């Protein structure tokens, strides 16, 4: 857990194979994986392949650049072409989000009493 939120560690993978490990908050209300724009550079994501969009968040509206993360690895499962929103670092802080663009690929079970999150891959 991260505070009162369920969180997990994921490996973000760029098209060139660059790997960055980060802790992501599980957010079933988020359409996308949401990352700071500085990670787009670190993952060598071409800004020409990003489209601009305004997103509604709990904190209000934010401008985002929408694109695809080459891959994201959770445990032993690697997911490709993950829809991702990149937002200004100041707008996201340390709250990187794992949204429905990934969670839809799993059956998600929250076990709050045991402080556990179970992700079962859907074939």
Protein backbone atom coordinates (compact mmCIF):
# COMPACT_ATOMS: atom_id res chain seq x y z
CA UNK A 1 0.00 0.00 0.00
CA UNK A 2 0.94 3.59 -0.49
CA UNK A 3 -0.86 5.45 2.27
CA UNK A 4 -4.50 4.42 1.91
CA UNK A 5 -4.07 3.37 -1.73
CA UNK A 6 -3.23 0.02 -3.23
CA UNK A 7 0.03 0.25 -5.15
CA UNK A 8 2.40 -2.04 -6.99
CA UNK A 9 5.79 -1.94 -8.58
CA UNK A 10 5.87 -2.03 -12.38
CA UNK A 11 8.63 -1.87 -14.96
CA UNK A 12 8.02 0.68 -17.73
CA UNK A 13 9.69 -0.29 -21.00
CA UNK A 14 10.52 2.10 -23.83
CA UNK A 15 10.65 1.15 -27.52
CA UNK A 16 14.46 1.09 -27.34
CA UNK A 17 14.38 -1.36 -24.43
CA UNK A 18 15.00 1.25 -21.72
CA UNK A 19 13.50 0.00 -18.44
CA UNK A 20 12.42 2.12 -15.48
CA UNK A 21 10.92 0.66 -12.33
CA UNK A 22 8.28 2.74 -10.55
CA UNK A 23 5.59 2.33 -7.93
CA UNK A 24 2.10 2.96 -9.37
CA UNK A 25 -1.13 3.61 -7.48
CA UNK A 26 -3.99 1.38 -8.63
CA UNK A 27 -6.74 3.74 -9.85
CA UNK A 28 -9.88 2.16 -11.31
CA UNK A 29 -11.20 5.67 -12.02
CA UNK A 30 -8.35 6.47 -14.40
CA UNK A 31 -8.70 5.56 -18.07
CA UNK A 32 -4.95 5.55 -18.63
CA UNK A 33 -1.68 4.77 -16.98
CA UNK A 34 -0.65 8.29 -15.91
CA UNK A 35 3.04 9.21 -15.80
CA UNK A 36 5.06 12.44 -15.57
CA UNK A 37 6.16 13.85 -18.92
CA UNK A 38 9.82 13.61 -17.82
CA UNK A 39 9.51 9.82 -18.03
CA UNK A 40 8.50 10.09 -21.71
CA UNK A 41 11.97 11.47 -22.43
CA UNK A 42 13.65 8.82 -20.27
CA UNK A 43 11.73 6.09 -22.13
CA UNK A 44 12.61 7.67 -25.50
CA UNK A 45 8.97 8.18 -26.49
CA UNK A 46 8.73 10.35 -29.60
CA UNK A 47 6.67 13.45 -28.77
CA UNK A 48 5.46 13.48 -32.40
CA UNK A 49 3.46 10.34 -31.56
CA UNK A 50 1.64 12.01 -28.65
CA UNK A 51 -1.71 13.79 -28.95
CA UNK A 52 -2.90 16.54 -26.62
CA UNK A 53 -6.00 16.10 -24.49
CA UNK A 54 -7.46 17.55 -21.33
CA UNK A 55 -8.23 15.06 -18.56
CA UNK A 56 -10.47 15.33 -15.53
CA UNK A 57 -8.77 14.28 -12.30
CA UNK A 58 -9.76 14.35 -8.66
CA UNK A 59 -7.71 17.55 -8.35
CA UNK A 60 -9.27 19.17 -11.43
CA UNK A 61 -8.55 19.35 -15.15
CA UNK A 62 -5.01 18.77 -16.42
CA UNK A 63 -3.43 18.89 -19.86
CA UNK A 64 -2.00 15.57 -20.97
CA UNK A 65 -0.13 14.10 -23.89
CA UNK A 66 -1.62 10.73 -24.82
CA UNK A 67 0.39 7.95 -26.40
CA UNK A 68 1.46 4.37 -25.99
CA UNK A 69 4.07 2.92 -23.70
CA UNK A 70 5.93 0.18 -25.57
CA UNK A 71 5.42 -2.24 -22.68
CA UNK A 72 4.74 -2.47 -18.97
CA UNK A 73 5.74 -5.44 -16.81
CA UNK A 74 3.94 -6.44 -13.63
CA UNK A 75 5.35 -9.50 -11.94
CA UNK A 76 6.10 -11.91 -14.78
CA UNK A 77 3.47 -10.50 -17.17
CA UNK A 78 4.54 -8.06 -19.90
CA UNK A 79 1.80 -5.99 -21.53
CA UNK A 80 2.48 -4.24 -24.84
CA UNK A 81 1.16 -0.99 -26.32
CA UNK A 82 -0.25 0.43 -23.10
CA UNK A 83 -2.34 3.60 -23.51
CA UNK A 84 -0.62 6.21 -21.34
CA UNK A 85 -1.23 9.84 -20.40
CA UNK A 86 1.86 11.93 -19.77
CA UNK A 87 1.23 15.02 -17.64
CA UNK A 88 3.39 17.83 -16.31
CA UNK A 89 5.57 16.62 -13.46
CA UNK A 90 4.12 19.35 -11.22
CA UNK A 91 0.57 18.07 -11.90
CA UNK A 92 1.29 14.49 -10.90
CA UNK A 93 3.96 14.68 -8.21
CA UNK A 94 4.70 11.18 -6.91
CA UNK A 95 1.22 9.86 -7.74
CA UNK A 96 1.87 7.73 -10.81
CA UNK A 97 -1.32 5.86 -11.70
CA UNK A 98 -2.10 2.40 -13.01
CA UNK A 99 -5.40 2.93 -14.80
CA UNK A 100 -7.88 0.87 -16.76
CA UNK A 101 -5.69 0.65 -19.89
CA UNK A 102 -3.84 -2.00 -17.85
CA UNK A 103 -6.40 -3.07 -15.25
CA UNK A 104 -8.91 -4.08 -17.96
CA UNK A 105 -6.50 -6.87 -18.87
CA UNK A 106 -6.82 -8.39 -15.40
CA UNK A 107 -9.42 -9.55 -12.96
CA UNK A 108 -8.72 -7.23 -10.02
CA UNK A 109 -9.42 -8.34 -6.45
CA UNK A 110 -8.91 -6.02 -3.49
CA UNK A 111 -8.51 -7.73 -0.11
CA UNK A 112 -8.38 -4.78 2.24
CA UNK A 113 -8.34 -6.79 5.46
CA UNK A 114 -5.23 -8.65 4.33
CA UNK A 115 -3.83 -5.50 2.72
CA UNK A 116 -3.60 -7.39 -0.58
CA UNK A 117 -4.26 -6.73 -4.24
CA UNK A 118 -4.59 -9.71 -6.58
CA UNK A 119 -4.29 -9.32 -10.36
CA UNK A 120 -5.28 -12.36 -12.41
CA UNK A 121 -4.48 -12.08 -16.13
CA UNK A 122 -7.43 -12.49 -18.49
CA UNK A 123 -6.56 -14.67 -21.49
